[in-house]
């Protein structure tokens, strides 16, 4: 596999990971709970494929990337990776927020001090 082919394969996988991260983000925002098992399984499968494409990239030396198509693919890949990292950070924050809010008991409602004083005055 040529370095350009390995890079294009990796870019395609990064696109798929980005699409899945967007889907997870929409799910978290709409349902306000952790995603279901099928989405997590798809994520695990993509991460396994990521290991394969990274191994292919390491095998195909990217030194001397003077070829314009290779440089362009490299820049697209870097940009997509940054977008995926940003989305994953947001997804982690949403997951943390929903996991913390789900375990917390409901807070008792507090009455304003003036209302409590009126209640005590009526019953005294």
PDB file of N, CA and C in Angstrom:
ATOM      1  N   UNK A   1       0.856  -1.172   0.000  1.00  0.00           N
ATOM      2  CA  UNK A   1       0.000   0.000   0.000  1.00  0.00           C
ATOM      3  C   UNK A   1       0.904   1.238   0.000  1.00  0.00           C
ATOM      4  N   UNK A   2       0.577   2.175  -0.859  1.00  0.00           N
ATOM      5  CA  UNK A   2       1.376   3.400  -0.930  1.00  0.00           C
ATOM      6  C   UNK A   2       1.032   4.306   0.244  1.00  0.00           C
ATOM      7  N   UNK A   3       1.911   5.229   0.568  1.00  0.00           N
ATOM      8  CA  UNK A   3       1.605   6.158   1.660  1.00  0.00           C
ATOM      9  C   UNK A   3       0.319   6.950   1.411  1.00  0.00           C
ATOM     10  N   UNK A   4       0.074   7.348   0.172  1.00  0.00           N
ATOM     11  CA  UNK A   4      -1.138   8.106  -0.137  1.00  0.00           C
ATOM     12  C   UNK A   4      -2.384   7.256   0.070  1.00  0.00           C
ATOM     13  N   UNK A   5      -2.336   5.999  -0.345  1.00  0.00           N
ATOM     14  CA  UNK A   5      -3.483   5.104  -0.148  1.00  0.00           C
ATOM     15  C   UNK A   5      -3.741   4.877   1.341  1.00  0.00           C
ATOM     16  N   UNK A   6      -2.679   4.683   2.104  1.00  0.00           N
ATOM     17  CA  UNK A   6      -2.826   4.480   3.550  1.00  0.00           C
ATOM     18  C   UNK A   6      -3.428   5.717   4.199  1.00  0.00           C
ATOM     19  N   UNK A   7      -2.985   6.879   3.758  1.00  0.00           N
ATOM     20  CA  UNK A   7      -3.496   8.131   4.311  1.00  0.00           C
ATOM     21  C   UNK A   7      -4.956   8.344   3.933  1.00  0.00           C
ATOM     22  N   UNK A   8      -5.309   8.018   2.694  1.00  0.00           N
ATOM     23  CA  UNK A   8      -6.705   8.163   2.261  1.00  0.00           C
ATOM     24  C   UNK A   8      -7.615   7.191   3.000  1.00  0.00           C
ATOM     25  N   UNK A   9      -7.130   5.984   3.233  1.00  0.00           N
ATOM     26  CA  UNK A   9      -7.897   5.003   3.999  1.00  0.00           C
ATOM     27  C   UNK A   9      -8.102   5.503   5.432  1.00  0.00           C
ATOM     28  N   UNK A  10      -7.069   6.062   6.002  1.00  0.00           N
ATOM     29  CA  UNK A  10      -7.154   6.598   7.360  1.00  0.00           C
ATOM     30  C   UNK A  10      -8.117   7.789   7.407  1.00  0.00           C
ATOM     31  N   UNK A  11      -8.058   8.650   6.402  1.00  0.00           N
ATOM     32  CA  UNK A  11      -8.972   9.795   6.333  1.00  0.00           C
ATOM     33  C   UNK A  11     -10.418   9.323   6.247  1.00  0.00           C
ATOM     34  N   UNK A  12     -10.684   8.306   5.437  1.00  0.00           N
ATOM     35  CA  UNK A  12     -12.042   7.775   5.319  1.00  0.00           C
ATOM     36  C   UNK A  12     -12.539   7.264   6.669  1.00  0.00           C
ATOM     37  N   UNK A  13     -11.683   6.581   7.389  1.00  0.00           N
ATOM     38  CA  UNK A  13     -12.062   6.083   8.709  1.00  0.00           C
ATOM     39  C   UNK A  13     -12.296   7.244   9.677  1.00  0.00           C
ATOM     40  N   UNK A  14     -11.471   8.277   9.593  1.00  0.00           N
ATOM     41  CA  UNK A  14     -11.669   9.458  10.443  1.00  0.00           C
ATOM     42  C   UNK A  14     -13.017  10.112  10.151  1.00  0.00           C
ATOM     43  N   UNK A  15     -13.421  10.111   8.886  1.00  0.00           N
ATOM     44  CA  UNK A  15     -14.737  10.645   8.511  1.00  0.00           C
ATOM     45  C   UNK A  15     -15.847   9.822   9.164  1.00  0.00           C
ATOM     46  N   UNK A  16     -15.707   8.502   9.154  1.00  0.00           N
ATOM     47  CA  UNK A  16     -16.706   7.630   9.775  1.00  0.00           C
ATOM     48  C   UNK A  16     -16.757   7.852  11.286  1.00  0.00           C
ATOM     49  N   UNK A  17     -15.607   7.996  11.904  1.00  0.00           N
ATOM     50  CA  UNK A  17     -15.553   8.242  13.349  1.00  0.00           C
ATOM     51  C   UNK A  17     -16.198   9.583  13.671  1.00  0.00           C
ATOM     52  N   UNK A  18     -15.958  10.588  12.845  1.00  0.00           N
ATOM     53  CA  UNK A  18     -16.563  11.907  13.047  1.00  0.00           C
ATOM     54  C   UNK A  18     -18.082  11.817  12.939  1.00  0.00           C
ATOM     55  N   UNK A  19     -18.580  11.089  11.936  1.00  0.00           N
ATOM     56  CA  UNK A  19     -20.025  10.931  11.774  1.00  0.00           C
ATOM     57  C   UNK A  19     -20.633  10.233  12.988  1.00  0.00           C
ATOM     58  N   UNK A  20     -19.952   9.228  13.508  1.00  0.00           N
ATOM     59  CA  UNK A  20     -20.456   8.520  14.687  1.00  0.00           C
ATOM     60  C   UNK A  20     -20.414   9.418  15.923  1.00  0.00           C
ATOM     61  N   UNK A  21     -19.374  10.225  16.059  1.00  0.00           N
ATOM     62  CA  UNK A  21     -19.288  11.154  17.194  1.00  0.00           C
ATOM     63  C   UNK A  21     -20.411  12.185  17.120  1.00  0.00           C
ATOM     64  N   UNK A  22     -20.738  12.647  15.907  1.00  0.00           N
ATOM     65  CA  UNK A  22     -21.867  13.568  15.743  1.00  0.00           C
ATOM     66  C   UNK A  22     -23.180  12.893  16.131  1.00  0.00           C
ATOM     67  N   UNK A  23     -23.340  11.645  15.712  1.00  0.00           N
ATOM     68  CA  UNK A  23     -24.548  10.898  16.052  1.00  0.00           C
ATOM     69  C   UNK A  23     -24.662  10.725  17.568  1.00  0.00           C
ATOM     70  N   UNK A  24     -23.553  10.397  18.205  1.00  0.00           N
ATOM     71  CA  UNK A  24     -23.542  10.242  19.663  1.00  0.00           C
ATOM     72  C   UNK A  24     -23.877  11.569  20.344  1.00  0.00           C
ATOM     73  N   UNK A  25     -23.334  12.662  19.816  1.00  0.00           N
ATOM     74  CA  UNK A  25     -23.594  13.980  20.383  1.00  0.00           C
ATOM     75  C   UNK A  25     -25.077  14.323  20.290  1.00  0.00           C
ATOM     76  N   UNK A  26     -25.683  14.081  19.120  1.00  0.00           N
ATOM     77  CA  UNK A  26     -27.126  14.341  18.957  1.00  0.00           C
ATOM     78  C   UNK A  26     -27.936  13.487  19.924  1.00  0.00           C
ATOM     79  N   UNK A  27     -27.560  12.216  20.060  1.00  0.00           N
ATOM     80  CA  UNK A  27     -28.265  11.314  20.964  1.00  0.00           C
ATOM     81  C   UNK A  27     -28.199  11.825  22.398  1.00  0.00           C
ATOM     82  N   UNK A  28     -27.008  12.221  22.822  1.00  0.00           N
ATOM     83  CA  UNK A  28     -26.833  12.702  24.195  1.00  0.00           C
ATOM     84  C   UNK A  28     -27.644  13.966  24.444  1.00  0.00           C
ATOM     85  N   UNK A  29     -27.657  14.873  23.495  1.00  0.00           N
ATOM     86  CA  UNK A  29     -28.387  16.125  23.680  1.00  0.00           C
ATOM     87  C   UNK A  29     -29.894  15.906  23.668  1.00  0.00           C
ATOM     88  N   UNK A  30     -30.372  14.979  22.848  1.00  0.00           N
ATOM     89  CA  UNK A  30     -31.812  14.753  22.750  1.00  0.00           C
ATOM     90  C   UNK A  30     -32.342  13.887  23.883  1.00  0.00           C
ATOM     91  N   UNK A  31     -31.624  12.826  24.227  1.00  0.00           N
ATOM     92  CA  UNK A  31     -32.129  11.858  25.202  1.00  0.00           C
ATOM     93  C   UNK A  31     -31.611  12.073  26.613  1.00  0.00           C
ATOM     94  N   UNK A  32     -30.553  12.827  26.760  1.00  0.00           N
ATOM     95  CA  UNK A  32     -29.958  13.141  28.061  1.00  0.00           C
ATOM     96  C   UNK A  32     -29.693  11.893  28.902  1.00  0.00           C
ATOM     97  N   UNK A  33     -29.134  10.894  28.234  1.00  0.00           N
ATOM     98  CA  UNK A  33     -28.728   9.653  28.900  1.00  0.00           C
ATOM     99  C   UNK A  33     -27.631   9.016  28.067  1.00  0.00           C
ATOM    100  N   UNK A  34     -26.878   8.098  28.653  1.00  0.00           N
ATOM    101  CA  UNK A  34     -25.815   7.433  27.884  1.00  0.00           C
ATOM    102  C   UNK A  34     -26.390   6.672  26.690  1.00  0.00           C
ATOM    103  N   UNK A  35     -25.619   6.542  25.630  1.00  0.00           N
ATOM    104  CA  UNK A  35     -26.113   5.850  24.436  1.00  0.00           C
ATOM    105  C   UNK A  35     -26.308   4.359  24.672  1.00  0.00           C
ATOM    106  N   UNK A  36     -27.106   3.756  23.796  1.00  0.00           N
ATOM    107  CA  UNK A  36     -27.400   2.331  23.887  1.00  0.00           C
ATOM    108  C   UNK A  36     -26.217   1.492  23.403  1.00  0.00           C
ATOM    109  N   UNK A  37     -26.315   0.200  23.651  1.00  0.00           N
ATOM    110  CA  UNK A  37     -25.235  -0.728  23.312  1.00  0.00           C
ATOM    111  C   UNK A  37     -24.885  -0.761  21.819  1.00  0.00           C
ATOM    112  N   UNK A  38     -25.856  -0.713  20.887  1.00  0.00           N
ATOM    113  CA  UNK A  38     -25.470  -0.771  19.465  1.00  0.00           C
ATOM    114  C   UNK A  38     -24.538   0.367  19.048  1.00  0.00           C
ATOM    115  N   UNK A  39     -24.773   1.556  19.545  1.00  0.00           N
ATOM    116  CA  UNK A  39     -23.907   2.683  19.204  1.00  0.00           C
ATOM    117  C   UNK A  39     -22.510   2.471  19.782  1.00  0.00           C
ATOM    118  N   UNK A  40     -22.445   1.962  20.984  1.00  0.00           N
ATOM    119  CA  UNK A  40     -21.146   1.705  21.610  1.00  0.00           C
ATOM    120  C   UNK A  40     -20.391   0.595  20.887  1.00  0.00           C
ATOM    121  N   UNK A  41     -21.118  -0.412  20.395  1.00  0.00           N
ATOM    122  CA  UNK A  41     -20.471  -1.489  19.637  1.00  0.00           C
ATOM    123  C   UNK A  41     -19.908  -0.960  18.324  1.00  0.00           C
ATOM    124  N   UNK A  42     -20.654  -0.082  17.660  1.00  0.00           N
ATOM    125  CA  UNK A  42     -20.158   0.521  16.421  1.00  0.00           C
ATOM    126  C   UNK A  42     -18.896   1.335  16.693  1.00  0.00           C
ATOM    127  N   UNK A  43     -18.895   2.017  17.833  1.00  0.00           N
ATOM    128  CA  UNK A  43     -17.725   2.819  18.202  1.00  0.00           C
ATOM    129  C   UNK A  43     -16.512   1.916  18.442  1.00  0.00           C
ATOM    130  N   UNK A  44     -16.718   0.809  19.135  1.00  0.00           N
ATOM    131  CA  UNK A  44     -15.619  -0.132  19.385  1.00  0.00           C
ATOM    132  C   UNK A  44     -15.080  -0.710  18.073  1.00  0.00           C
ATOM    133  N   UNK A  45     -15.987  -1.021  17.141  1.00  0.00           N
ATOM    134  CA  UNK A  45     -15.562  -1.577  15.853  1.00  0.00           C
ATOM    135  C   UNK A  45     -14.730  -0.558  15.076  1.00  0.00           C
ATOM    136  N   UNK A  46     -15.155   0.703  15.108  1.00  0.00           N
ATOM    137  CA  UNK A  46     -14.388   1.742  14.413  1.00  0.00           C
ATOM    138  C   UNK A  46     -13.023   1.939  15.059  1.00  0.00           C
ATOM    139  N   UNK A  47     -12.962   1.856  16.371  1.00  0.00           N
ATOM    140  CA  UNK A  47     -11.676   2.012  17.052  1.00  0.00           C
ATOM    141  C   UNK A  47     -10.733   0.852  16.735  1.00  0.00           C
ATOM    142  N   UNK A  48     -11.289  -0.344  16.555  1.00  0.00           N
ATOM    143  CA  UNK A  48     -10.452  -1.482  16.155  1.00  0.00           C
ATOM    144  C   UNK A  48      -9.902  -1.251  14.748  1.00  0.00           C
ATOM    145  N   UNK A  49     -10.746  -0.727  13.864  1.00  0.00           N
ATOM    146  CA  UNK A  49     -10.280  -0.409  12.508  1.00  0.00           C
ATOM    147  C   UNK A  49      -9.247   0.711  12.533  1.00  0.00           C
ATOM    148  N   UNK A  50      -9.368   1.614  13.510  1.00  0.00           N
ATOM    149  CA  UNK A  50      -8.402   2.704  13.631  1.00  0.00           C
ATOM    150  C   UNK A  50      -7.007   2.149  13.908  1.00  0.00           C
ATOM    151  N   UNK A  51      -6.936   1.136  14.750  1.00  0.00           N
ATOM    152  CA  UNK A  51      -5.638   0.498  15.010  1.00  0.00           C
ATOM    153  C   UNK A  51      -5.034  -0.059  13.720  1.00  0.00           C
ATOM    154  N   UNK A  52      -5.897  -0.637  12.873  1.00  0.00           N
ATOM    155  CA  UNK A  52      -5.413  -1.203  11.607  1.00  0.00           C
ATOM    156  C   UNK A  52      -4.885  -0.113  10.677  1.00  0.00           C
ATOM    157  N   UNK A  53      -5.621   0.986  10.562  1.00  0.00           N
ATOM    158  CA  UNK A  53      -5.163   2.045   9.652  1.00  0.00           C
ATOM    159  C   UNK A  53      -3.908   2.729  10.185  1.00  0.00           C
ATOM    160  N   UNK A  54      -3.798   2.829  11.494  1.00  0.00           N
ATOM    161  CA  UNK A  54      -2.579   3.408  12.064  1.00  0.00           C
ATOM    162  C   UNK A  54      -1.374   2.513  11.791  1.00  0.00           C
ATOM    163  N   UNK A  55      -1.580   1.210  11.871  1.00  0.00           N
ATOM    164  CA  UNK A  55      -0.490   0.282  11.554  1.00  0.00           C
ATOM    165  C   UNK A  55      -0.098   0.409  10.082  1.00  0.00           C
ATOM    166  N   UNK A  56      -1.088   0.574   9.207  1.00  0.00           N
ATOM    167  CA  UNK A  56      -0.796   0.751   7.779  1.00  0.00           C
ATOM    168  C   UNK A  56      -0.052   2.059   7.537  1.00  0.00           C
ATOM    169  N   UNK A  57      -0.419   3.102   8.279  1.00  0.00           N
ATOM    170  CA  UNK A  57       0.282   4.383   8.140  1.00  0.00           C
ATOM    171  C   UNK A  57       1.730   4.266   8.598  1.00  0.00           C
ATOM    172  N   UNK A  58       1.943   3.532   9.669  1.00  0.00           N
ATOM    173  CA  UNK A  58       3.314   3.364  10.166  1.00  0.00           C
ATOM    174  C   UNK A  58       4.154   2.558   9.173  1.00  0.00           C
ATOM    175  N   UNK A  59       3.507   1.572   8.545  1.00  0.00           N
ATOM    176  CA  UNK A  59       4.226   0.735   7.583  1.00  0.00           C
ATOM    177  C   UNK A  59       4.591   1.526   6.327  1.00  0.00           C
ATOM    178  N   UNK A  60       3.699   2.407   5.895  1.00  0.00           N
ATOM    179  CA  UNK A  60       3.962   3.243   4.715  1.00  0.00           C
ATOM    180  C   UNK A  60       4.619   4.522   5.204  1.00  0.00           C
ATOM    181  N   UNK A  61       5.858   4.682   4.920  1.00  0.00           N
ATOM    182  CA  UNK A  61       6.570   5.863   5.412  1.00  0.00           C
ATOM    183  C   UNK A  61       6.007   7.112   4.768  1.00  0.00           C
ATOM    184  N   UNK A  62       5.725   8.095   5.598  1.00  0.00           N
ATOM    185  CA  UNK A  62       5.169   9.355   5.114  1.00  0.00           C
ATOM    186  C   UNK A  62       6.236  10.429   4.998  1.00  0.00           C
ATOM    187  N   UNK A  63       7.479  10.012   5.083  1.00  0.00           N
ATOM    188  CA  UNK A  63       8.556  10.991   4.959  1.00  0.00           C
ATOM    189  C   UNK A  63       8.583  11.516   3.532  1.00  0.00           C
ATOM    190  N   UNK A  64       8.984  12.741   3.392  1.00  0.00           N
ATOM    191  CA  UNK A  64       9.071  13.337   2.067  1.00  0.00           C
ATOM    192  C   UNK A  64       7.708  13.513   1.435  1.00  0.00           C
ATOM    193  N   UNK A  65       6.775  14.019   2.218  1.00  0.00           N
ATOM    194  CA  UNK A  65       5.418  14.200   1.702  1.00  0.00           C
ATOM    195  C   UNK A  65       5.351  15.463   0.852  1.00  0.00           C
ATOM    196  N   UNK A  66       6.114  15.459  -0.234  1.00  0.00           N
ATOM    197  CA  UNK A  66       6.129  16.608  -1.129  1.00  0.00           C
ATOM    198  C   UNK A  66       5.026  16.520  -2.168  1.00  0.00           C
ATOM    199  N   UNK A  67       4.408  15.378  -2.262  1.00  0.00           N
ATOM    200  CA  UNK A  67       3.331  15.202  -3.227  1.00  0.00           C
ATOM    201  C   UNK A  67       2.130  16.026  -2.773  1.00  0.00           C
ATOM    202  N   UNK A  68       1.574  16.889  -3.636  1.00  0.00           N
ATOM    203  CA  UNK A  68       0.466  17.765  -3.223  1.00  0.00           C
ATOM    204  C   UNK A  68      -0.761  17.001  -2.731  1.00  0.00           C
ATOM    205  N   UNK A  69      -1.103  15.891  -3.369  1.00  0.00           N
ATOM    206  CA  UNK A  69      -2.273  15.119  -2.942  1.00  0.00           C
ATOM    207  C   UNK A  69      -2.048  14.535  -1.553  1.00  0.00           C
ATOM    208  N   UNK A  70      -0.826  14.121  -1.297  1.00  0.00           N
ATOM    209  CA  UNK A  70      -0.500  13.554   0.015  1.00  0.00           C
ATOM    210  C   UNK A  70      -0.553  14.628   1.095  1.00  0.00           C
ATOM    211  N   UNK A  71      -0.014  15.794   0.789  1.00  0.00           N
ATOM    212  CA  UNK A  71      -0.066  16.905   1.758  1.00  0.00           C
ATOM    213  C   UNK A  71      -1.502  17.313   2.041  1.00  0.00           C
ATOM    214  N   UNK A  72      -2.326  17.375   0.983  1.00  0.00           N
ATOM    215  CA  UNK A  72      -3.727  17.763   1.149  1.00  0.00           C
ATOM    216  C   UNK A  72      -4.473  16.729   1.999  1.00  0.00           C
ATOM    217  N   UNK A  73      -4.249  15.454   1.731  1.00  0.00           N
ATOM    218  CA  UNK A  73      -4.892  14.397   2.515  1.00  0.00           C
ATOM    219  C   UNK A  73      -4.440  14.455   3.968  1.00  0.00           C
ATOM    220  N   UNK A  74      -3.177  14.756   4.173  1.00  0.00           N
ATOM    221  CA  UNK A  74      -2.646  14.863   5.532  1.00  0.00           C
ATOM    222  C   UNK A  74      -3.303  16.015   6.289  1.00  0.00           C
ATOM    223  N   UNK A  75      -3.456  17.152   5.640  1.00  0.00           N
ATOM    224  CA  UNK A  75      -4.096  18.305   6.287  1.00  0.00           C
ATOM    225  C   UNK A  75      -5.572  18.034   6.577  1.00  0.00           C
ATOM    226  N   UNK A  76      -6.270  17.395   5.642  1.00  0.00           N
ATOM    227  CA  UNK A  76      -7.677  17.046   5.867  1.00  0.00           C
ATOM    228  C   UNK A  76      -7.808  16.094   7.049  1.00  0.00           C
ATOM    229  N   UNK A  77      -6.885  15.136   7.111  1.00  0.00           N
ATOM    230  CA  UNK A  77      -6.917  14.165   8.205  1.00  0.00           C
ATOM    231  C   UNK A  77      -6.676  14.848   9.545  1.00  0.00           C
ATOM    232  N   UNK A  78      -5.711  15.722   9.592  1.00  0.00           N
ATOM    233  CA  UNK A  78      -5.432  16.450  10.841  1.00  0.00           C
ATOM    234  C   UNK A  78      -6.635  17.282  11.274  1.00  0.00           C
ATOM    235  N   UNK A  79      -7.251  17.968  10.324  1.00  0.00           N
ATOM    236  CA  UNK A  79      -8.415  18.799  10.651  1.00  0.00           C
ATOM    237  C   UNK A  79      -9.566  17.943  11.173  1.00  0.00           C
ATOM    238  N   UNK A  80      -9.799  16.794  10.536  1.00  0.00           N
ATOM    239  CA  UNK A  80     -10.898  15.928  10.960  1.00  0.00           C
ATOM    240  C   UNK A  80     -10.613  15.346  12.341  1.00  0.00           C
ATOM    241  N   UNK A  81      -9.367  14.998  12.605  1.00  0.00           N
ATOM    242  CA  UNK A  81      -9.005  14.462  13.923  1.00  0.00           C
ATOM    243  C   UNK A  81      -9.262  15.505  15.005  1.00  0.00           C
ATOM    244  N   UNK A  82      -8.919  16.757  14.738  1.00  0.00           N
ATOM    245  CA  UNK A  82      -9.183  17.824  15.713  1.00  0.00           C
ATOM    246  C   UNK A  82     -10.680  17.981  15.959  1.00  0.00           C
ATOM    247  N   UNK A  83     -11.490  17.866  14.903  1.00  0.00           N
ATOM    248  CA  UNK A  83     -12.940  17.956  15.071  1.00  0.00           C
ATOM    249  C   UNK A  83     -13.466  16.790  15.902  1.00  0.00           C
ATOM    250  N   UNK A  84     -12.944  15.604  15.653  1.00  0.00           N
ATOM    251  CA  UNK A  84     -13.369  14.428  16.417  1.00  0.00           C
ATOM    252  C   UNK A  84     -12.999  14.596  17.889  1.00  0.00           C
ATOM    253  N   UNK A  85     -11.796  15.075  18.151  1.00  0.00           N
ATOM    254  CA  UNK A  85     -11.371  15.277  19.539  1.00  0.00           C
ATOM    255  C   UNK A  85     -12.268  16.282  20.252  1.00  0.00           C
ATOM    256  N   UNK A  86     -12.635  17.353  19.568  1.00  0.00           N
ATOM    257  CA  UNK A  86     -13.514  18.361  20.164  1.00  0.00           C
ATOM    258  C   UNK A  86     -14.890  17.768  20.464  1.00  0.00           C
ATOM    259  N   UNK A  87     -15.431  17.010  19.517  1.00  0.00           N
ATOM    260  CA  UNK A  87     -16.731  16.371  19.732  1.00  0.00           C
ATOM    261  C   UNK A  87     -16.678  15.365  20.874  1.00  0.00           C
ATOM    262  N   UNK A  88     -15.624  14.581  20.925  1.00  0.00           N
ATOM    263  CA  UNK A  88     -15.495  13.593  21.993  1.00  0.00           C
ATOM    264  C   UNK A  88     -15.389  14.264  23.363  1.00  0.00           C
ATOM    265  N   UNK A  89     -14.716  15.389  23.410  1.00  0.00           N
ATOM    266  CA  UNK A  89     -14.624  16.138  24.670  1.00  0.00           C
ATOM    267  C   UNK A  89     -16.011  16.606  25.098  1.00  0.00           C
ATOM    268  N   UNK A  90     -16.778  17.131  24.152  1.00  0.00           N
ATOM    269  CA  UNK A  90     -18.138  17.580  24.465  1.00  0.00           C
ATOM    270  C   UNK A  90     -19.009  16.396  24.878  1.00  0.00           C
ATOM    271  N   UNK A  91     -18.866  15.264  24.194  1.00  0.00           N
ATOM    272  CA  UNK A  91     -19.646  14.077  24.545  1.00  0.00           C
ATOM    273  C   UNK A  91     -19.304  13.582  25.951  1.00  0.00           C
ATOM    274  N   UNK A  92     -18.031  13.617  26.300  1.00  0.00           N
ATOM    275  CA  UNK A  92     -17.631  13.209  27.653  1.00  0.00           C
ATOM    276  C   UNK A  92     -18.240  14.126  28.704  1.00  0.00           C
ATOM    277  N   UNK A  93     -18.273  15.423  28.426  1.00  0.00           N
ATOM    278  CA  UNK A  93     -18.867  16.363  29.374  1.00  0.00           C
ATOM    279  C   UNK A  93     -20.359  16.105  29.520  1.00  0.00           C
ATOM    280  N   UNK A  94     -21.042  15.822  28.408  1.00  0.00           N
ATOM    281  CA  UNK A  94     -22.470  15.506  28.471  1.00  0.00           C
ATOM    282  C   UNK A  94     -22.700  14.215  29.244  1.00  0.00           C
ATOM    283  N   UNK A  95     -21.895  13.204  28.980  1.00  0.00           N
ATOM    284  CA  UNK A  95     -22.028  11.939  29.708  1.00  0.00           C
ATOM    285  C   UNK A  95     -21.821  12.135  31.201  1.00  0.00           C
ATOM    286  N   UNK A  96     -20.828  12.914  31.553  1.00  0.00           N
ATOM    287  CA  UNK A  96     -20.557  13.178  32.963  1.00  0.00           C
ATOM    288  C   UNK A  96     -21.729  13.907  33.606  1.00  0.00           C
ATOM    289  N   UNK A  97     -22.243  14.914  32.924  1.00  0.00           N
ATOM    290  CA  UNK A  97     -23.370  15.679  33.458  1.00  0.00           C
ATOM    291  C   UNK A  97     -24.585  14.785  33.671  1.00  0.00           C
ATOM    292  N   UNK A  98     -24.894  13.933  32.695  1.00  0.00           N
ATOM    293  CA  UNK A  98     -26.078  13.089  32.809  1.00  0.00           C
ATOM    294  C   UNK A  98     -25.882  11.975  33.826  1.00  0.00           C
ATOM    295  N   UNK A  99     -24.673  11.469  33.955  1.00  0.00           N
ATOM    296  CA  UNK A  99     -24.448  10.416  34.942  1.00  0.00           C
ATOM    297  C   UNK A  99     -24.502  10.977  36.354  1.00  0.00           C
ATOM    298  N   UNK A 100     -24.037  12.204  36.537  1.00  0.00           N
ATOM    299  CA  UNK A 100     -24.101  12.814  37.864  1.00  0.00           C
ATOM    300  C   UNK A 100     -25.516  13.233  38.216  1.00  0.00           C
ATOM    301  N   UNK A 101     -26.250  13.734  37.254  1.00  0.00           N
ATOM    302  CA  UNK A 101     -27.606  14.207  37.544  1.00  0.00           C
ATOM    303  C   UNK A 101     -28.558  13.043  37.769  1.00  0.00           C
ATOM    304  N   UNK A 102     -28.259  11.865  37.214  1.00  0.00           N
ATOM    305  CA  UNK A 102     -29.141  10.719  37.375  1.00  0.00           C
ATOM    306  C   UNK A 102     -29.050  10.088  38.746  1.00  0.00           C
ATOM    307  N   UNK A 103     -27.931  10.224  39.433  1.00  0.00           N
ATOM    308  CA  UNK A 103     -27.759   9.567  40.723  1.00  0.00           C
ATOM    309  C   UNK A 103     -28.077  10.485  41.899  1.00  0.00           C
ATOM    310  N   UNK A 104     -28.260  11.725  41.631  1.00  0.00           N
ATOM    311  CA  UNK A 104     -28.498  12.681  42.702  1.00  0.00           C
ATOM    312  C   UNK A 104     -29.976  12.638  43.125  1.00  0.00           C
ATOM    313  N   UNK A 105     -30.265  12.547  44.433  1.00  0.00           N
ATOM    314  CA  UNK A 105     -31.660  12.581  44.863  1.00  0.00           C
ATOM    315  C   UNK A 105     -32.232  13.977  44.637  1.00  0.00           C
ATOM    316  N   UNK A 106     -33.537  14.051  44.410  1.00  0.00           N
ATOM    317  CA  UNK A 106     -34.126  15.366  44.178  1.00  0.00           C
ATOM    318  C   UNK A 106     -33.984  16.252  45.412  1.00  0.00           C
ATOM    319  N   UNK A 107     -33.640  17.479  45.180  1.00  0.00           N
ATOM    320  CA  UNK A 107     -33.448  18.427  46.281  1.00  0.00           C
ATOM    321  C   UNK A 107     -34.811  18.845  46.826  1.00  0.00           C
ATOM    322  N   UNK A 108     -34.928  18.919  48.148  1.00  0.00           N
ATOM    323  CA  UNK A 108     -36.203  19.361  48.709  1.00  0.00           C
ATOM    324  C   UNK A 108     -36.442  20.827  48.359  1.00  0.00           C
ATOM    325  N   UNK A 109     -37.696  21.143  48.146  1.00  0.00           N
ATOM    326  CA  UNK A 109     -38.016  22.528  47.822  1.00  0.00           C
ATOM    327  C   UNK A 109     -37.974  23.352  49.096  1.00  0.00           C
ATOM    328  N   UNK A 110     -37.342  24.469  49.031  1.00  0.00           N
ATOM    329  CA  UNK A 110     -37.248  25.349  50.194  1.00  0.00           C
ATOM    330  C   UNK A 110     -38.219  26.501  50.013  1.00  0.00           C
ATOM    331  N   UNK A 111     -38.850  26.817  51.080  1.00  0.00           N
ATOM    332  CA  UNK A 111     -39.795  27.928  51.061  1.00  0.00           C
ATOM    333  C   UNK A 111     -39.071  29.213  51.425  1.00  0.00           C
ATOM    334  N   UNK A 112     -39.478  30.313  50.861  1.00  0.00           N
ATOM    335  CA  UNK A 112     -38.869  31.589  51.229  1.00  0.00           C
ATOM    336  C   UNK A 112     -39.083  31.868  52.720  1.00  0.00           C
ATOM    337  N   UNK A 113     -38.146  32.580  53.307  1.00  0.00           N
ATOM    338  CA  UNK A 113     -38.206  32.860  54.750  1.00  0.00           C
ATOM    339  C   UNK A 113     -39.489  33.595  55.117  1.00  0.00           C
ATOM    340  N   UNK A 114     -39.932  34.509  54.289  1.00  0.00           N
ATOM    341  CA  UNK A 114     -41.164  35.256  54.574  1.00  0.00           C
ATOM    342  C   UNK A 114     -42.377  34.345  54.626  1.00  0.00           C
ATOM    343  N   UNK A 115     -42.423  33.356  53.779  1.00  0.00           N
ATOM    344  CA  UNK A 115     -43.556  32.442  53.759  1.00  0.00           C
ATOM    345  C   UNK A 115     -43.555  31.574  55.011  1.00  0.00           C
ATOM    346  N   UNK A 116     -42.374  31.127  55.432  1.00  0.00           N
ATOM    347  CA  UNK A 116     -42.284  30.342  56.662  1.00  0.00           C
ATOM    348  C   UNK A 116     -42.765  31.151  57.862  1.00  0.00           C
ATOM    349  N   UNK A 117     -42.402  32.418  57.902  1.00  0.00           N
ATOM    350  CA  UNK A 117     -42.813  33.274  59.008  1.00  0.00           C
ATOM    351  C   UNK A 117     -44.335  33.408  59.038  1.00  0.00           C
ATOM    352  N   UNK A 118     -44.981  33.556  57.883  1.00  0.00           N
ATOM    353  CA  UNK A 118     -46.444  33.660  57.826  1.00  0.00           C
ATOM    354  C   UNK A 118     -47.102  32.374  58.313  1.00  0.00           C
ATOM    355  N   UNK A 119     -46.539  31.235  57.948  1.00  0.00           N
ATOM    356  CA  UNK A 119     -47.104  29.955  58.379  1.00  0.00           C
ATOM    357  C   UNK A 119     -47.014  29.829  59.895  1.00  0.00           C
ATOM    358  N   UNK A 120     -45.864  30.185  60.482  1.00  0.00           N
ATOM    359  CA  UNK A 120     -45.707  30.120  61.931  1.00  0.00           C
ATOM    360  C   UNK A 120     -46.672  31.073  62.632  1.00  0.00           C
ATOM    361  N   UNK A 121     -46.888  32.247  62.073  1.00  0.00           N
ATOM    362  CA  UNK A 121     -47.787  33.220  62.692  1.00  0.00           C
ATOM    363  C   UNK A 121     -49.222  32.715  62.673  1.00  0.00           C
ATOM    364  N   UNK A 122     -49.637  32.037  61.618  1.00  0.00           N
ATOM    365  CA  UNK A 122     -51.000  31.518  61.531  1.00  0.00           C
ATOM    366  C   UNK A 122     -51.251  30.423  62.558  1.00  0.00           C
ATOM    367  N   UNK A 123     -50.249  29.647  62.855  1.00  0.00           N
ATOM    368  CA  UNK A 123     -50.429  28.506  63.745  1.00  0.00           C
ATOM    369  C   UNK A 123     -50.030  28.792  65.188  1.00  0.00           C
ATOM    370  N   UNK A 124     -49.679  29.993  65.485  1.00  0.00           N
ATOM    371  CA  UNK A 124     -49.313  30.270  66.867  1.00  0.00           C
ATOM    372  C   UNK A 124     -50.384  31.012  67.604  1.00  0.00           C
TER     373      UNK A 124
END
